[in-house]
Amino acid sequence: MKTLQLKRVCTILKLTDSAPAQTTLTDQVSPFLIQAPHLVLDVEGIQFNSMLIGELVNVHRTFEERWRDEEHHIALVNLSEVSRAVFERVRLTEMFPVFGSIGEALNGAS
């Protein structure tokens, strides 16, 4: 008889830049960062500037601190081609692996 087994727990967060935020991104996502050692950030439609990149770096720092003693992964999905070029140029893709879809990110974190 086949049985199901939990393979991995992953938090997936959809980010937007369409409205001004009242708090930092780190403050907004902190409750979710403690839930699972695998985090996928869907950034579809966001055009990153230095301030938004700084916000992502702060989220990464908080996530790394929380899961430093366990295997963990953080990834971005749906990054625009322009933003991806910027991330590659400043080597942020080493910090944030970039995938085309949530499914690819989940498979890439295996």
Protein backbone atom coordinates (compact mmCIF):
# COMPACT_ATOMS: atom_id res chain seq x y z
CA MET A 1 0.00 0.00 0.00
CA LYS A 2 1.29 3.47 -0.87
CA THR A 3 1.49 6.13 1.79
CA LEU A 4 2.20 9.82 1.59
CA GLN A 5 5.18 11.39 3.25
CA LEU A 6 5.99 15.04 3.86
CA LYS A 7 9.00 15.85 1.69
CA ARG A 8 9.62 19.50 2.54
CA VAL A 9 7.94 22.49 4.11
CA CYS A 10 8.26 25.69 2.13
CA THR A 11 6.97 29.21 2.62
CA ILE A 12 5.97 31.03 -0.57
CA LEU A 13 5.42 34.78 -0.36
CA LYS A 14 4.11 37.02 -3.15
CA LEU A 15 5.66 40.48 -2.95
CA THR A 16 4.40 43.68 -4.58
CA ASP A 17 5.61 47.24 -4.93
CA SER A 18 2.24 48.69 -5.93
CA ALA A 19 1.53 50.54 -2.67
CA PRO A 20 3.69 52.22 -0.03
CA ALA A 21 4.35 50.00 2.97
CA GLN A 22 3.94 51.19 6.53
CA THR A 23 6.76 48.94 7.80
CA THR A 24 9.93 47.41 6.40
CA LEU A 25 9.72 44.26 4.33
CA THR A 26 11.63 42.37 7.03
CA ASP A 27 9.02 43.36 9.63
CA GLN A 28 6.22 42.32 7.29
CA VAL A 29 7.64 38.87 6.50
CA SER A 30 9.30 38.02 9.84
CA PRO A 31 6.37 35.91 11.10
CA PHE A 32 6.69 33.74 7.98
CA LEU A 33 10.48 33.42 8.08
CA ILE A 34 10.30 31.24 11.18
CA GLN A 35 7.85 28.73 9.69
CA ALA A 36 10.02 26.81 7.26
CA PRO A 37 13.67 26.60 6.20
CA HIS A 38 12.75 26.97 2.53
CA LEU A 39 11.53 30.36 1.33
CA VAL A 40 10.40 31.34 -2.16
CA LEU A 41 9.74 35.00 -2.90
CA ASP A 42 7.54 35.65 -5.94
CA VAL A 43 8.58 39.08 -7.23
CA GLU A 44 6.59 39.17 -10.46
CA GLY A 45 6.09 42.71 -11.74
CA ILE A 46 8.54 44.38 -9.37
CA GLN A 47 11.14 46.70 -10.87
CA PHE A 48 13.94 46.70 -8.34
CA ASN A 49 15.83 49.82 -7.32
CA SER A 50 18.59 50.08 -4.72
CA MET A 51 16.11 50.58 -1.86
CA LEU A 52 14.10 47.47 -2.76
CA ILE A 53 17.28 45.44 -3.20
CA GLY A 54 18.35 46.60 0.25
CA GLU A 55 15.04 45.39 1.64
CA LEU A 56 15.63 41.95 0.10
CA VAL A 57 19.16 41.78 1.49
CA ASN A 58 17.79 42.54 4.97
CA VAL A 59 15.21 39.75 4.61
CA HIS A 60 18.00 37.41 3.54
CA ARG A 61 20.07 38.36 6.60
CA THR A 62 17.16 37.70 8.96
CA PHE A 63 16.34 34.39 7.24
CA GLU A 64 19.99 33.26 7.40
CA GLU A 65 20.21 34.11 11.11
CA ARG A 66 17.05 32.12 11.86
CA TRP A 67 18.08 28.96 9.98
CA ARG A 68 21.89 29.10 10.31
CA ASP A 69 22.08 25.72 12.08
CA GLU A 70 19.85 23.89 9.59
CA GLU A 71 19.78 23.27 5.87
CA HIS A 72 17.88 26.15 4.31
CA HIS A 73 17.23 27.82 0.97
CA ILE A 74 15.87 31.12 -0.23
CA ALA A 75 14.99 31.80 -3.87
CA LEU A 76 13.32 34.35 -6.12
CA VAL A 77 10.82 33.55 -8.85
CA ASN A 78 9.40 35.61 -11.69
CA LEU A 79 12.19 38.20 -11.63
CA SER A 80 11.96 40.49 -14.66
CA GLU A 81 14.76 40.26 -17.23
CA VAL A 82 15.95 43.79 -16.44
CA SER A 83 16.05 43.11 -12.70
CA ARG A 84 17.68 39.73 -13.29
CA ALA A 85 20.47 41.42 -15.27
CA VAL A 86 21.04 43.82 -12.37
CA PHE A 87 21.05 40.96 -9.84
CA GLU A 88 23.56 39.03 -11.97
CA ARG A 89 25.80 42.08 -12.46
CA VAL A 90 26.09 42.74 -8.72
CA ARG A 91 26.24 39.00 -7.97
CA LEU A 92 23.04 38.90 -5.95
CA THR A 93 22.06 35.69 -7.75
CA GLU A 94 24.62 34.00 -5.49
CA MET A 95 22.55 35.14 -2.51
CA PHE A 96 19.18 34.70 -4.21
CA PRO A 97 19.01 31.89 -6.78
CA VAL A 98 16.51 32.90 -9.46
CA PHE A 99 13.97 30.51 -10.98
CA GLY A 100 11.28 30.96 -13.61
CA SER A 101 8.50 29.41 -11.53
CA ILE A 102 7.64 28.25 -8.04
CA GLY A 103 7.87 24.62 -9.18
CA GLU A 104 11.39 25.16 -10.49
CA ALA A 105 12.38 26.83 -7.22
CA LEU A 106 11.01 23.94 -5.18
CA ASN A 107 12.88 21.42 -7.32
CA GLY A 108 16.04 23.52 -7.19
CA ALA A 109 16.00 23.53 -3.39
CA SER A 110 16.08 19.72 -3.18
